[in-house]
Amino acid sequence: MSSSLFRAAAVGIACGLWMSAGAASAAENGRVSPQGSPDGPARGMYLLRITGCNDCHTPGYAESGGSTPGSAWLTGNPVGFSGPWGTTYAANLRLALARMSEAQWLQRARQPMRPPMPWFALRDMSDDDLRAILAAVRQLGPAGQAAPAFVPPDQHAQGLVIHFVPQPAAAR
């Protein structure tokens, strides 16, 4: 083998190994593009990451900069969100979606939900995207406890709450 052909082969192999290492590192850090079917669990995991589902539905996710282990993902949150609507809690999606059929999920995902859930983001997703999310959540499997129940505005919520009540700007 000539030395230039040998060098080209060595560079090609080195590039391949470097790219493989980069892909493995990206996968370990959760920075992966979806692969597989358009409605499969890999795409669902990707959608869960980029749409911020874990921010509310996974305890400690936002506070940890997204480094919460997957075993805790989407298990609901005991911290309530309080406003004029009452106090809502981010549901344990792993339990809720385990009980729903695909048809029930597609219907529920397009219905209005209490604040601060950005339900309109689900409403505007394609059926394939919603199926992918369902597949990903089901792949995680049921875990955790149900989140606390909704508390009407005329009742007092127990535990920690984040208040979504506009306040006048402080005078300067």
N, C-alpha and C. Protein backbone atom coordinates (compact mmCIF):
# COMPACT_ATOMS: atom_id res chain seq x y z
N MET A 1 0.85 -1.17 0.00
CA MET A 1 0.00 0.00 0.00
C MET A 1 0.90 1.23 0.00
N SER A 2 0.61 2.20 -0.87
CA SER A 2 1.43 3.40 -0.94
C SER A 2 1.23 4.23 0.32
N SER A 3 2.22 5.08 0.63
CA SER A 3 2.15 5.86 1.86
C SER A 3 1.00 6.87 1.82
N SER A 4 0.68 7.44 0.64
CA SER A 4 -0.44 8.39 0.57
C SER A 4 -1.77 7.68 0.76
N LEU A 5 -1.90 6.47 0.22
CA LEU A 5 -3.13 5.70 0.41
C LEU A 5 -3.25 5.28 1.88
N PHE A 6 -2.11 4.91 2.48
CA PHE A 6 -2.10 4.53 3.88
C PHE A 6 -2.53 5.71 4.75
N ARG A 7 -1.98 6.91 4.46
CA ARG A 7 -2.35 8.11 5.22
C ARG A 7 -3.83 8.41 5.08
N ALA A 8 -4.36 8.30 3.86
CA ALA A 8 -5.78 8.58 3.62
C ALA A 8 -6.65 7.60 4.41
N ALA A 9 -6.25 6.32 4.42
CA ALA A 9 -7.01 5.32 5.18
C ALA A 9 -6.94 5.62 6.67
N ALA A 10 -5.75 5.98 7.16
CA ALA A 10 -5.58 6.29 8.58
C ALA A 10 -6.42 7.50 8.98
N VAL A 11 -6.42 8.53 8.14
CA VAL A 11 -7.23 9.72 8.41
C VAL A 11 -8.71 9.35 8.42
N GLY A 12 -9.13 8.53 7.47
CA GLY A 12 -10.54 8.10 7.41
C GLY A 12 -10.94 7.34 8.65
N ILE A 13 -10.09 6.43 9.10
CA ILE A 13 -10.39 5.65 10.30
C ILE A 13 -10.41 6.56 11.52
N ALA A 14 -9.44 7.47 11.62
CA ALA A 14 -9.40 8.39 12.75
C ALA A 14 -10.65 9.27 12.79
N CYS A 15 -11.06 9.77 11.62
CA CYS A 15 -12.29 10.59 11.57
C CYS A 15 -13.51 9.79 12.00
N GLY A 16 -13.57 8.55 11.54
CA GLY A 16 -14.70 7.69 11.92
C GLY A 16 -14.75 7.45 13.41
N LEU A 17 -13.58 7.17 14.02
CA LEU A 17 -13.52 6.96 15.46
C LEU A 17 -13.88 8.23 16.22
N TRP A 18 -13.38 9.37 15.75
CA TRP A 18 -13.66 10.65 16.38
C TRP A 18 -15.15 10.96 16.33
N MET A 19 -15.78 10.72 15.17
CA MET A 19 -17.22 10.97 15.04
C MET A 19 -18.01 10.02 15.92
N SER A 20 -17.59 8.76 16.02
CA SER A 20 -18.27 7.80 16.88
C SER A 20 -18.18 8.22 18.33
N ALA A 21 -17.01 8.67 18.75
CA ALA A 21 -16.85 9.12 20.13
C ALA A 21 -17.72 10.34 20.39
N GLY A 22 -17.80 11.24 19.44
CA GLY A 22 -18.65 12.42 19.59
C GLY A 22 -20.11 12.05 19.69
N ALA A 23 -20.55 11.09 18.89
CA ALA A 23 -21.95 10.65 18.94
C ALA A 23 -22.25 10.00 20.28
N ALA A 24 -21.31 9.19 20.79
CA ALA A 24 -21.53 8.55 22.08
C ALA A 24 -21.59 9.60 23.18
N SER A 25 -20.70 10.58 23.13
CA SER A 25 -20.71 11.65 24.12
C SER A 25 -22.01 12.44 24.06
N ALA A 26 -22.48 12.74 22.86
CA ALA A 26 -23.74 13.48 22.72
C ALA A 26 -24.89 12.67 23.27
N ALA A 27 -24.89 11.37 23.03
CA ALA A 27 -25.97 10.52 23.54
C ALA A 27 -25.95 10.50 25.06
N GLU A 28 -24.74 10.43 25.65
CA GLU A 28 -24.64 10.43 27.11
C GLU A 28 -25.15 11.72 27.70
N ASN A 29 -24.99 12.83 27.00
CA ASN A 29 -25.43 14.13 27.49
C ASN A 29 -26.84 14.47 27.07
N GLY A 30 -27.54 13.55 26.41
CA GLY A 30 -28.92 13.79 26.03
C GLY A 30 -29.08 14.67 24.81
N ARG A 31 -28.00 14.95 24.09
CA ARG A 31 -28.09 15.80 22.91
C ARG A 31 -28.03 14.94 21.67
N VAL A 32 -29.15 14.35 21.36
CA VAL A 32 -29.21 13.46 20.21
C VAL A 32 -30.40 13.85 19.36
N SER A 33 -30.21 13.76 18.07
CA SER A 33 -31.34 13.96 17.17
C SER A 33 -32.17 12.70 17.17
N PRO A 34 -33.47 12.84 16.94
CA PRO A 34 -34.31 11.65 16.95
C PRO A 34 -33.97 10.74 15.79
N GLN A 35 -34.04 9.45 16.04
CA GLN A 35 -33.81 8.47 14.99
C GLN A 35 -34.95 7.47 15.04
N GLY A 36 -35.09 6.70 14.01
CA GLY A 36 -36.14 5.70 13.99
C GLY A 36 -37.41 6.25 13.39
N SER A 37 -38.52 5.61 13.72
CA SER A 37 -39.80 5.99 13.12
C SER A 37 -40.26 7.35 13.63
N PRO A 38 -41.07 8.06 12.83
CA PRO A 38 -41.52 9.39 13.23
C PRO A 38 -42.43 9.38 14.44
N ASP A 39 -42.96 8.22 14.80
CA ASP A 39 -43.81 8.16 15.99
C ASP A 39 -43.25 7.19 17.03
N GLY A 40 -41.94 6.95 16.98
CA GLY A 40 -41.31 6.02 17.91
C GLY A 40 -40.79 6.69 19.17
N PRO A 41 -40.33 5.87 20.13
CA PRO A 41 -39.88 6.40 21.41
C PRO A 41 -38.66 7.32 21.33
N ALA A 42 -37.74 7.10 20.39
CA ALA A 42 -36.58 7.99 20.28
C ALA A 42 -37.03 9.40 19.93
N ARG A 43 -37.94 9.50 18.99
CA ARG A 43 -38.47 10.82 18.63
C ARG A 43 -39.24 11.41 19.82
N GLY A 44 -39.98 10.58 20.51
CA GLY A 44 -40.72 11.05 21.68
C GLY A 44 -39.81 11.61 22.76
N MET A 45 -38.70 10.93 23.02
CA MET A 45 -37.73 11.42 24.01
C MET A 45 -37.17 12.77 23.58
N TYR A 46 -36.88 12.88 22.30
CA TYR A 46 -36.39 14.15 21.75
C TYR A 46 -37.43 15.25 21.98
N LEU A 47 -38.68 14.98 21.66
CA LEU A 47 -39.74 15.98 21.83
C LEU A 47 -39.92 16.34 23.31
N LEU A 48 -39.86 15.35 24.18
CA LEU A 48 -39.97 15.63 25.62
C LEU A 48 -38.87 16.58 26.08
N ARG A 49 -37.66 16.38 25.55
CA ARG A 49 -36.54 17.24 25.94
C ARG A 49 -36.71 18.66 25.42
N ILE A 50 -37.06 18.81 24.16
CA ILE A 50 -37.05 20.16 23.57
C ILE A 50 -38.31 20.96 23.88
N THR A 51 -39.38 20.31 24.30
CA THR A 51 -40.61 21.06 24.59
C THR A 51 -40.73 21.43 26.06
N GLY A 52 -39.81 21.02 26.88
CA GLY A 52 -39.80 21.44 28.28
C GLY A 52 -40.74 20.67 29.19
N CYS A 53 -41.21 19.50 28.78
CA CYS A 53 -42.12 18.71 29.62
C CYS A 53 -41.51 18.44 31.00
N ASN A 54 -40.22 18.10 31.00
CA ASN A 54 -39.55 17.79 32.26
C ASN A 54 -39.46 19.00 33.19
N ASP A 55 -39.47 20.21 32.64
CA ASP A 55 -39.32 21.40 33.48
C ASP A 55 -40.34 21.42 34.62
N CYS A 56 -41.56 21.01 34.34
CA CYS A 56 -42.60 21.00 35.36
C CYS A 56 -42.93 19.60 35.85
N HIS A 57 -42.93 18.62 34.97
CA HIS A 57 -43.40 17.27 35.30
C HIS A 57 -42.34 16.38 35.95
N THR A 58 -41.10 16.88 36.08
CA THR A 58 -40.03 16.11 36.73
C THR A 58 -39.49 16.91 37.91
N PRO A 59 -39.62 16.38 39.12
CA PRO A 59 -39.13 17.12 40.29
C PRO A 59 -37.64 17.44 40.18
N GLY A 60 -37.29 18.71 40.38
CA GLY A 60 -35.90 19.13 40.40
C GLY A 60 -35.22 19.26 39.05
N TYR A 61 -35.93 19.02 37.96
CA TYR A 61 -35.30 19.02 36.63
C TYR A 61 -34.74 20.40 36.27
N ALA A 62 -35.58 21.42 36.35
CA ALA A 62 -35.12 22.77 35.98
C ALA A 62 -34.03 23.26 36.93
N GLU A 63 -34.20 22.99 38.21
CA GLU A 63 -33.22 23.44 39.19
C GLU A 63 -31.86 22.77 39.01
N SER A 64 -31.85 21.56 38.46
CA SER A 64 -30.59 20.83 38.26
C SER A 64 -29.99 21.07 36.88
N GLY A 65 -30.59 21.96 36.12
CA GLY A 65 -30.09 22.21 34.77
C GLY A 65 -30.31 21.02 33.85
N GLY A 66 -31.36 20.26 34.12
CA GLY A 66 -31.70 19.13 33.26
C GLY A 66 -30.90 17.87 33.52
N SER A 67 -30.24 17.78 34.67
CA SER A 67 -29.42 16.59 34.93
C SER A 67 -30.12 15.56 35.82
N THR A 68 -31.42 15.68 35.98
CA THR A 68 -32.18 14.69 36.76
C THR A 68 -32.13 13.35 36.04
N PRO A 69 -31.89 12.25 36.75
CA PRO A 69 -31.83 10.95 36.09
C PRO A 69 -33.16 10.58 35.44
N GLY A 70 -33.08 9.82 34.36
CA GLY A 70 -34.27 9.41 33.62
C GLY A 70 -35.27 8.64 34.46
N SER A 71 -34.81 7.99 35.52
CA SER A 71 -35.72 7.23 36.38
C SER A 71 -36.73 8.13 37.08
N ALA A 72 -36.43 9.42 37.20
CA ALA A 72 -37.35 10.37 37.85
C ALA A 72 -38.17 11.18 36.84
N TRP A 73 -37.86 11.04 35.56
CA TRP A 73 -38.55 11.84 34.55
C TRP A 73 -40.06 11.64 34.60
N LEU A 74 -40.76 12.75 34.51
CA LEU A 74 -42.21 12.79 34.31
C LEU A 74 -43.01 12.09 35.40
N THR A 75 -42.47 12.10 36.62
CA THR A 75 -43.16 11.46 37.74
C THR A 75 -44.04 12.43 38.52
N GLY A 76 -44.27 13.60 37.97
CA GLY A 76 -45.13 14.58 38.63
C GLY A 76 -44.33 15.46 39.56
N ASN A 77 -44.99 16.48 40.10
CA ASN A 77 -44.27 17.42 40.94
C ASN A 77 -45.15 17.84 42.11
N PRO A 78 -44.63 17.76 43.33
CA PRO A 78 -45.42 18.17 44.49
C PRO A 78 -45.49 19.69 44.67
N VAL A 79 -44.70 20.44 43.91
CA VAL A 79 -44.76 21.90 43.98
C VAL A 79 -45.92 22.38 43.13
N GLY A 80 -46.82 23.14 43.74
CA GLY A 80 -48.01 23.61 43.04
C GLY A 80 -47.77 24.91 42.30
N PHE A 81 -48.65 25.18 41.35
CA PHE A 81 -48.65 26.44 40.60
C PHE A 81 -49.96 27.12 40.94
N SER A 82 -49.87 28.25 41.62
CA SER A 82 -51.06 28.91 42.15
C SER A 82 -51.32 30.23 41.43
N GLY A 83 -52.59 30.46 41.11
CA GLY A 83 -53.00 31.70 40.46
C GLY A 83 -54.50 31.86 40.62
N PRO A 84 -55.10 32.77 39.86
CA PRO A 84 -56.54 33.00 39.96
C PRO A 84 -57.38 31.75 39.69
N TRP A 85 -56.82 30.77 38.99
CA TRP A 85 -57.53 29.53 38.66
C TRP A 85 -57.55 28.54 39.83
N GLY A 86 -56.72 28.76 40.85
CA GLY A 86 -56.55 27.83 41.96
C GLY A 86 -55.10 27.37 41.98
N THR A 87 -54.88 26.15 42.43
CA THR A 87 -53.53 25.60 42.46
C THR A 87 -53.52 24.29 41.68
N THR A 88 -52.65 24.21 40.71
CA THR A 88 -52.50 23.01 39.89
C THR A 88 -51.14 22.39 40.16
N TYR A 89 -51.05 21.12 39.86
CA TYR A 89 -49.81 20.37 40.03
C TYR A 89 -49.50 19.65 38.73
N ALA A 90 -48.23 19.63 38.36
CA ALA A 90 -47.83 18.91 37.15
C ALA A 90 -48.04 17.42 37.38
N ALA A 91 -48.84 16.82 36.52
CA ALA A 91 -49.24 15.42 36.67
C ALA A 91 -48.07 14.46 36.52
N ASN A 92 -48.22 13.30 37.11
CA ASN A 92 -47.31 12.19 36.89
C ASN A 92 -47.72 11.57 35.55
N LEU A 93 -47.03 11.96 34.49
CA LEU A 93 -47.39 11.50 33.15
C LEU A 93 -47.13 10.01 32.97
N ARG A 94 -46.20 9.46 33.70
CA ARG A 94 -45.90 8.03 33.56
C ARG A 94 -47.07 7.18 34.06
N LEU A 95 -47.76 7.65 35.09
CA LEU A 95 -48.94 6.94 35.57
C LEU A 95 -50.15 7.26 34.70
N ALA A 96 -50.33 8.54 34.39
CA ALA A 96 -51.52 8.96 33.63
C ALA A 96 -51.55 8.33 32.24
N LEU A 97 -50.43 8.38 31.52
CA LEU A 97 -50.42 7.85 30.16
C LEU A 97 -50.44 6.33 30.11
N ALA A 98 -50.02 5.68 31.19
CA ALA A 98 -50.08 4.22 31.24
C ALA A 98 -51.52 3.74 31.23
N ARG A 99 -52.44 4.59 31.71
CA ARG A 99 -53.86 4.21 31.79
C ARG A 99 -54.65 4.59 30.54
N MET A 100 -54.03 5.34 29.62
CA MET A 100 -54.76 5.83 28.44
C MET A 100 -54.46 4.99 27.22
N SER A 101 -55.48 4.81 26.40
CA SER A 101 -55.25 4.22 25.08
C SER A 101 -54.67 5.31 24.19
N GLU A 102 -54.17 4.92 23.04
CA GLU A 102 -53.65 5.91 22.10
C GLU A 102 -54.74 6.91 21.71
N ALA A 103 -55.94 6.42 21.43
CA ALA A 103 -57.05 7.30 21.04
C ALA A 103 -57.39 8.28 22.16
N GLN A 104 -57.40 7.80 23.40
CA GLN A 104 -57.68 8.69 24.53
C GLN A 104 -56.60 9.76 24.66
N TRP A 105 -55.34 9.37 24.49
CA TRP A 105 -54.24 10.33 24.57
C TRP A 105 -54.36 11.39 23.48
N LEU A 106 -54.61 10.97 22.25
CA LEU A 106 -54.72 11.94 21.15
C LEU A 106 -55.86 12.92 21.41
N GLN A 107 -56.95 12.44 21.97
CA GLN A 107 -58.08 13.33 22.28
C GLN A 107 -57.74 14.25 23.45
N ARG A 108 -57.19 13.70 24.53
CA ARG A 108 -56.87 14.49 25.72
C ARG A 108 -55.81 15.55 25.43
N ALA A 109 -54.84 15.22 24.62
CA ALA A 109 -53.75 16.16 24.33
C ALA A 109 -54.24 17.41 23.61
N ARG A 110 -55.40 17.35 23.03
CA ARG A 110 -55.91 18.50 22.26
C ARG A 110 -56.98 19.28 23.02
N GLN A 111 -57.22 18.92 24.26
CA GLN A 111 -58.22 19.61 25.07
C GLN A 111 -57.55 20.64 25.97
N PRO A 112 -58.25 21.75 26.25
CA PRO A 112 -57.69 22.75 27.18
C PRO A 112 -57.40 22.13 28.55
N MET A 113 -56.35 22.63 29.17
CA MET A 113 -55.95 22.20 30.51
C MET A 113 -55.73 23.44 31.36
N ARG A 114 -55.71 23.26 32.67
CA ARG A 114 -55.52 24.39 33.57
C ARG A 114 -54.11 24.96 33.44
N PRO A 115 -53.96 26.27 33.71
CA PRO A 115 -52.63 26.89 33.72
C PRO A 115 -51.76 26.25 34.80
N PRO A 116 -50.47 26.34 34.65
CA PRO A 116 -49.72 26.97 33.57
C PRO A 116 -49.38 26.00 32.43
N MET A 117 -50.05 24.85 32.37
CA MET A 117 -49.78 23.88 31.30
C MET A 117 -49.99 24.51 29.94
N PRO A 118 -48.95 24.52 29.09
CA PRO A 118 -49.10 25.07 27.73
C PRO A 118 -49.77 24.05 26.81
N TRP A 119 -51.02 23.74 27.09
CA TRP A 119 -51.77 22.70 26.38
C TRP A 119 -51.85 22.97 24.89
N PHE A 120 -51.80 24.22 24.49
CA PHE A 120 -51.88 24.59 23.07
C PHE A 120 -50.69 24.07 22.29
N ALA A 121 -49.56 23.82 22.97
CA ALA A 121 -48.40 23.22 22.29
C ALA A 121 -48.73 21.78 21.90
N LEU A 122 -49.40 21.05 22.79
CA LEU A 122 -49.83 19.69 22.45
C LEU A 122 -50.89 19.72 21.37
N ARG A 123 -51.83 20.64 21.50
CA ARG A 123 -52.92 20.75 20.52
C ARG A 123 -52.38 20.89 19.11
N ASP A 124 -51.30 21.64 18.96
CA ASP A 124 -50.77 21.94 17.64
C ASP A 124 -49.79 20.89 17.11
N MET A 125 -49.48 19.87 17.90
CA MET A 125 -48.58 18.81 17.44
C MET A 125 -49.30 17.88 16.48
N SER A 126 -48.52 17.24 15.64
CA SER A 126 -49.08 16.24 14.72
C SER A 126 -49.43 14.98 15.51
N ASP A 127 -50.29 14.15 14.93
CA ASP A 127 -50.60 12.86 15.55
C ASP A 127 -49.33 12.03 15.74
N ASP A 128 -48.42 12.06 14.76
CA ASP A 128 -47.16 11.31 14.88
C ASP A 128 -46.34 11.80 16.07
N ASP A 129 -46.28 13.12 16.28
CA ASP A 129 -45.53 13.65 17.43
C ASP A 129 -46.16 13.19 18.74
N LEU A 130 -47.48 13.25 18.82
CA LEU A 130 -48.16 12.83 20.05
C LEU A 130 -47.99 11.33 20.28
N ARG A 131 -48.03 10.55 19.22
CA ARG A 131 -47.80 9.10 19.36
C ARG A 131 -46.37 8.83 19.84
N ALA A 132 -45.42 9.61 19.33
CA ALA A 132 -44.02 9.45 19.74
C ALA A 132 -43.86 9.76 21.22
N ILE A 133 -44.51 10.81 21.69
CA ILE A 133 -44.45 11.14 23.12
C ILE A 133 -45.05 10.01 23.94
N LEU A 134 -46.18 9.50 23.52
CA LEU A 134 -46.82 8.39 24.23
C LEU A 134 -45.88 7.18 24.27
N ALA A 135 -45.24 6.87 23.15
CA ALA A 135 -44.32 5.73 23.09
C ALA A 135 -43.14 5.93 24.04
N ALA A 136 -42.62 7.15 24.11
CA ALA A 136 -41.48 7.43 24.99
C ALA A 136 -41.88 7.30 26.46
N VAL A 137 -43.03 7.86 26.81
CA VAL A 137 -43.47 7.78 28.21
C VAL A 137 -43.75 6.33 28.59
N ARG A 138 -44.36 5.59 27.70
CA ARG A 138 -44.62 4.17 27.99
C ARG A 138 -43.32 3.38 28.10
N GLN A 139 -42.31 3.77 27.32
CA GLN A 139 -41.02 3.09 27.41
C GLN A 139 -40.38 3.34 28.79
N LEU A 140 -40.58 4.53 29.35
CA LEU A 140 -40.07 4.81 30.69
C LEU A 140 -40.75 3.92 31.73
N GLY A 141 -42.02 3.61 31.51
CA GLY A 141 -42.78 2.75 32.41
C GLY A 141 -43.38 3.52 33.57
N PRO A 142 -44.41 2.95 34.19
CA PRO A 142 -45.05 3.61 35.34
C PRO A 142 -44.06 3.74 36.50
N ALA A 143 -44.13 4.85 37.21
CA ALA A 143 -43.26 5.07 38.37
C ALA A 143 -43.81 6.22 39.19
N GLY A 144 -43.48 6.22 40.46
CA GLY A 144 -43.84 7.33 41.33
C GLY A 144 -45.28 7.29 41.81
N GLN A 145 -45.67 8.40 42.41
CA GLN A 145 -47.01 8.57 42.97
C GLN A 145 -47.76 9.62 42.16
N ALA A 146 -49.07 9.59 42.26
CA ALA A 146 -49.88 10.61 41.60
C ALA A 146 -49.56 11.97 42.23
N ALA A 147 -49.59 13.00 41.41
CA ALA A 147 -49.39 14.36 41.90
C ALA A 147 -50.60 14.77 42.74
N PRO A 148 -50.43 15.76 43.62
CA PRO A 148 -51.59 16.23 44.39
C PRO A 148 -52.72 16.70 43.48
N ALA A 149 -53.92 16.64 43.99
CA ALA A 149 -55.11 17.04 43.23
C ALA A 149 -55.21 18.56 43.14
N PHE A 150 -55.92 19.02 42.13
CA PHE A 150 -56.22 20.44 41.94
C PHE A 150 -56.87 21.01 43.20
N VAL A 151 -56.48 22.23 43.55
CA VAL A 151 -57.07 22.93 44.69
C VAL A 151 -57.80 24.16 44.15
N PRO A 152 -59.12 24.26 44.36
CA PRO A 152 -59.88 25.41 43.85
C PRO A 152 -59.38 26.72 44.45
N PRO A 153 -59.67 27.85 43.79
CA PRO A 153 -59.15 29.15 44.24
C PRO A 153 -59.61 29.56 45.64
N ASP A 154 -60.73 29.05 46.11
CA ASP A 154 -61.23 29.45 47.43
C ASP A 154 -60.69 28.56 48.56
N GLN A 155 -59.75 27.66 48.22
CA GLN A 155 -59.16 26.77 49.23
C GLN A 155 -57.66 26.99 49.29
N HIS A 156 -57.07 26.60 50.40
CA HIS A 156 -55.63 26.78 50.61
C HIS A 156 -54.87 25.50 50.26
N ALA A 157 -53.87 25.63 49.42
CA ALA A 157 -53.03 24.49 49.04
C ALA A 157 -52.01 24.21 50.14
N GLN A 158 -51.69 22.94 50.32
CA GLN A 158 -50.67 22.53 51.28
C GLN A 158 -49.32 22.43 50.56
N GLY A 159 -48.25 22.60 51.28
CA GLY A 159 -46.92 22.42 50.70
C GLY A 159 -46.45 23.65 49.95
N LEU A 160 -45.44 23.45 49.12
CA LEU A 160 -44.83 24.54 48.37
C LEU A 160 -45.64 24.88 47.13
N VAL A 161 -45.74 26.18 46.84
CA VAL A 161 -46.42 26.63 45.62
C VAL A 161 -45.63 27.77 45.00
N ILE A 162 -45.74 27.86 43.70
CA ILE A 162 -45.20 28.99 42.95
C ILE A 162 -46.40 29.85 42.60
N HIS A 163 -46.36 31.12 43.00
CA HIS A 163 -47.50 32.01 42.77
C HIS A 163 -47.36 32.72 41.42
N PHE A 164 -48.39 32.57 40.61
CA PHE A 164 -48.47 33.23 39.31
C PHE A 164 -49.47 34.37 39.42
N VAL A 165 -49.12 35.37 40.19
CA VAL A 165 -50.00 36.50 40.39
C VAL A 165 -49.23 37.76 40.01
N PRO A 166 -49.69 38.48 39.00
CA PRO A 166 -48.98 39.69 38.60
C PRO A 166 -48.92 40.70 39.75
N GLN A 167 -47.77 41.31 39.90
CA GLN A 167 -47.56 42.32 40.93
C GLN A 167 -47.19 43.63 40.26
N PRO A 168 -47.60 44.75 40.84
CA PRO A 168 -47.18 46.03 40.26
C PRO A 168 -45.66 46.18 40.38
N ALA A 169 -45.09 46.85 39.41
CA ALA A 169 -43.65 47.09 39.43
C ALA A 169 -43.30 47.92 40.66
N ALA A 170 -42.17 47.61 41.25
CA ALA A 170 -41.71 48.36 42.42
C ALA A 170 -41.33 49.77 42.00
N ALA A 171 -41.66 50.73 42.84
CA ALA A 171 -41.29 52.12 42.56
C ALA A 171 -39.79 52.27 42.68
N ARG A 172 -39.24 53.07 41.81
CA ARG A 172 -37.78 53.27 41.84
C ARG A 172 -37.43 54.58 42.42
